[in-house]
Amino acid sequence: MANIIAYKGATPKIGKDTIISESARIIGDVSIGDKCYIGSNVTVRGDLARIVIGNYNIIEDDTLIYPGEEYTDGLLSHSEMIIGSYGVIEKKCIIQASYIGDYFKIGNGVIVEKGAQLNEGVFVLSGSVVASGSIISSMSVLIGNPAHILRKLSFGEKEKHESYIESYYEFMKRINQ
């Protein structure tokens, strides 16, 4: 059984038919939607602020998701994180974004720094770093460090992505029965 850990009165909420690997750690004020897959050694830290993850998301191995901090008038605080639906976060990523829209893909080893906002249909290619506070327009493909727009995502790519996510989930469901 995965490590589902209550923290300061907040217990993670896990959606229907979501698959969580035994070595994953889901901590505190976290809500994960339906039909998601959470891979080995993934940590989702809702101990600092609320994290909401939508439906049909694939979060692959060795990924860390936690809210970024901000200083206001000399005080440290953490902001809520919203992650949309129909997305994939590939292996070994660090995610501190404040918002990621639906139909996203975050490639292997990507770092999304605190406060970044990725709107709907954003694909970030492997190894890229999305800088703190970046606001990325919808339907963009990003590359580099710091990440910049390589090109626009086509509608066909977005449709193919949705089908890929559903197939990936069904595959993981079969092998985890």
Protein backbone atom coordinates (compact mmCIF):
# COMPACT_ATOMS: atom_id res chain seq x y z
CA MET A 1 0.00 0.00 0.00
CA ALA A 2 1.22 3.47 -0.86
CA ASN A 3 2.12 5.90 1.91
CA ILE A 4 -1.00 8.05 2.23
CA ILE A 5 -0.08 10.34 5.11
CA ALA A 6 -2.38 12.72 7.02
CA TYR A 7 -0.73 15.94 8.16
CA LYS A 8 -2.12 18.56 10.55
CA GLY A 9 -5.66 17.22 10.16
CA ALA A 10 -5.57 17.02 6.34
CA THR A 11 -5.81 13.55 4.81
CA PRO A 12 -5.14 13.05 1.09
CA LYS A 13 -8.21 12.33 -1.04
CA ILE A 14 -7.72 9.79 -3.80
CA GLY A 15 -10.16 9.55 -6.73
CA LYS A 16 -11.96 6.52 -8.06
CA ASP A 17 -9.82 3.94 -9.91
CA THR A 18 -6.58 5.85 -9.26
CA ILE A 19 -3.50 3.61 -9.09
CA ILE A 20 -0.76 4.56 -6.64
CA SER A 21 2.54 2.65 -6.49
CA GLU A 22 3.53 1.17 -3.14
CA SER A 23 6.59 3.41 -2.81
CA ALA A 24 4.75 6.68 -3.57
CA ARG A 25 4.17 9.20 -0.75
CA ILE A 26 1.08 11.41 -0.76
CA ILE A 27 1.18 13.81 2.20
CA GLY A 28 -1.38 16.19 3.70
CA ASP A 29 -3.85 18.40 1.85
CA VAL A 30 -3.76 16.64 -1.53
CA SER A 31 -6.68 15.79 -3.80
CA ILE A 32 -6.01 13.42 -6.72
CA GLY A 33 -8.74 12.89 -9.32
CA ASP A 34 -10.13 9.76 -10.93
CA LYS A 35 -8.19 7.34 -13.14
CA CYS A 36 -4.72 8.67 -12.39
CA TYR A 37 -1.49 6.69 -12.17
CA ILE A 38 1.13 7.70 -9.57
CA GLY A 39 4.46 5.91 -10.16
CA SER A 40 7.23 4.58 -7.94
CA ASN A 41 8.95 6.99 -5.55
CA VAL A 42 6.65 9.89 -6.44
CA THR A 43 6.18 12.37 -3.60
CA VAL A 44 3.27 14.81 -3.52
CA ARG A 45 3.74 17.19 -0.57
CA GLY A 46 0.54 18.85 0.54
CA ASP A 47 2.08 19.55 3.95
CA LEU A 48 2.84 23.17 3.04
CA ALA A 49 -0.23 24.11 0.95
CA ARG A 50 -3.10 22.45 -0.87
CA ILE A 51 -2.40 20.48 -4.07
CA VAL A 52 -5.22 19.55 -6.47
CA ILE A 53 -4.49 17.08 -9.27
CA GLY A 54 -7.23 16.50 -11.88
CA ASN A 55 -8.46 13.33 -13.61
CA TYR A 56 -6.54 11.09 -16.02
CA ASN A 57 -3.05 12.16 -15.01
CA ILE A 58 0.07 10.04 -15.28
CA ILE A 59 2.86 10.96 -12.86
CA GLU A 60 5.90 8.80 -13.50
CA ASP A 61 8.68 7.57 -11.21
CA ASP A 62 10.95 9.67 -8.98
CA THR A 63 8.96 12.90 -9.35
CA LEU A 64 8.58 15.49 -6.59
CA ILE A 65 5.54 17.80 -6.50
CA TYR A 66 5.37 20.50 -3.84
CA PRO A 67 4.15 24.09 -3.56
CA GLY A 68 6.60 26.89 -4.15
CA GLU A 69 7.25 29.46 -1.48
CA GLU A 70 6.94 33.20 -1.66
CA TYR A 71 8.00 36.01 0.64
CA THR A 72 5.58 38.84 1.32
CA ASP A 73 6.52 41.56 3.78
CA GLY A 74 9.29 39.32 5.10
CA LEU A 75 6.94 36.40 5.78
CA LEU A 76 7.26 33.00 4.13
CA SER A 77 4.11 31.44 2.67
CA HIS A 78 3.22 28.69 0.20
CA SER A 79 0.57 28.90 -2.51
CA GLU A 80 -1.99 26.35 -3.57
CA MET A 81 -1.06 24.25 -6.61
CA ILE A 82 -3.60 23.25 -9.27
CA ILE A 83 -2.73 20.60 -11.86
CA GLY A 84 -5.33 20.03 -14.60
CA SER A 85 -6.56 16.82 -16.25
CA TYR A 86 -5.26 14.66 -19.09
CA GLY A 87 -1.60 15.22 -18.37
CA VAL A 88 1.63 13.34 -18.03
CA ILE A 89 4.62 14.20 -15.88
CA GLU A 90 7.46 11.94 -16.95
CA LYS A 91 10.27 10.57 -14.77
CA LYS A 92 12.50 12.56 -12.38
CA CYS A 93 10.70 15.90 -12.51
CA ILE A 94 10.49 18.62 -9.88
CA ILE A 95 7.20 20.53 -10.03
CA GLN A 96 6.55 23.73 -8.04
CA ALA A 97 4.18 25.43 -10.50
CA SER A 98 1.19 27.26 -9.11
CA TYR A 99 -0.96 26.19 -12.07
CA ILE A 100 -0.78 23.64 -14.89
CA GLY A 101 -3.76 23.56 -17.28
CA ASP A 102 -5.40 20.53 -18.91
CA TYR A 103 -3.75 18.49 -21.68
CA PHE A 104 -0.15 18.97 -20.57
CA LYS A 105 3.03 16.97 -20.97
CA ILE A 106 6.11 17.51 -18.82
CA GLY A 107 9.13 15.60 -20.20
CA ASN A 108 11.76 13.61 -18.31
CA GLY A 109 13.88 15.60 -15.86
CA VAL A 110 11.97 18.86 -16.27
CA ILE A 111 12.02 21.43 -13.47
CA VAL A 112 9.04 23.76 -13.22
CA GLU A 113 10.05 26.40 -10.69
CA LYS A 114 7.85 28.09 -8.10
CA GLY A 115 4.94 30.20 -9.22
CA ALA A 116 5.10 29.20 -12.89
CA GLN A 117 1.77 29.01 -14.73
CA LEU A 118 1.39 26.66 -17.68
CA ASN A 119 -1.92 27.16 -19.46
CA GLU A 120 -3.89 24.48 -21.37
CA GLY A 121 -2.04 22.36 -23.89
CA VAL A 122 1.55 23.09 -22.82
CA PHE A 123 4.22 20.48 -23.59
CA VAL A 124 7.63 20.95 -21.94
CA LEU A 125 10.40 18.92 -23.60
CA SER A 126 12.79 16.78 -21.54
CA GLY A 127 15.48 18.51 -19.52
CA SER A 128 13.91 21.96 -19.73
CA VAL A 129 13.66 24.41 -16.83
CA VAL A 130 10.59 26.65 -16.61
CA ALA A 131 11.70 29.71 -14.62
CA SER A 132 9.99 31.02 -11.49
CA GLY A 133 6.94 33.14 -12.21
CA SER A 134 6.78 32.28 -15.92
CA ILE A 135 3.35 32.48 -17.54
CA ILE A 136 3.19 30.20 -20.56
CA SER A 137 0.46 30.70 -23.16
CA SER A 138 -1.86 27.85 -24.20
CA MET A 139 -0.91 25.36 -26.91
CA SER A 140 2.86 25.92 -26.61
CA VAL A 141 5.80 23.53 -26.88
CA LEU A 142 8.73 24.58 -24.67
CA ILE A 143 12.41 23.69 -24.74
CA GLY A 144 15.60 24.80 -23.00
CA ASN A 145 17.03 26.35 -19.86
CA PRO A 146 15.42 28.73 -19.38
CA ALA A 147 12.49 27.25 -21.28
CA HIS A 148 11.23 29.19 -24.28
CA ILE A 149 8.52 28.53 -26.86
CA LEU A 150 9.77 26.30 -29.66
CA ARG A 151 6.47 26.23 -31.54
CA LYS A 152 2.70 26.06 -31.14
CA LEU A 153 1.02 22.74 -30.35
CA SER A 154 -1.39 21.59 -33.06
CA PHE A 155 -4.97 20.56 -32.34
CA GLY A 156 -4.16 17.08 -33.72
CA GLU A 157 -1.31 16.68 -31.22
CA LYS A 158 -3.66 17.62 -28.40
CA GLU A 159 -6.25 15.03 -29.52
CA LYS A 160 -3.57 12.33 -29.86
CA HIS A 161 -2.32 13.20 -26.36
CA GLU A 162 -5.75 12.56 -24.80
CA SER A 163 -5.90 9.13 -26.45
CA TYR A 164 -2.33 8.36 -25.27
CA ILE A 165 -3.21 9.21 -21.64
CA GLU A 166 -6.29 6.96 -21.68
CA SER A 167 -4.29 4.08 -23.23
CA TYR A 168 -1.43 4.50 -20.74
CA TYR A 169 -3.88 4.40 -17.82
CA GLU A 170 -5.59 1.27 -19.15
CA PHE A 171 -2.19 -0.42 -19.59
CA MET A 172 -1.16 0.45 -16.01
CA LYS A 173 -4.50 -0.78 -14.73
CA ARG A 174 -3.98 -4.18 -16.42
CA ILE A 175 -0.44 -4.69 -15.12
CA ASN A 176 -1.36 -3.58 -11.57
CA GLN A 177 -4.28 -6.01 -11.10
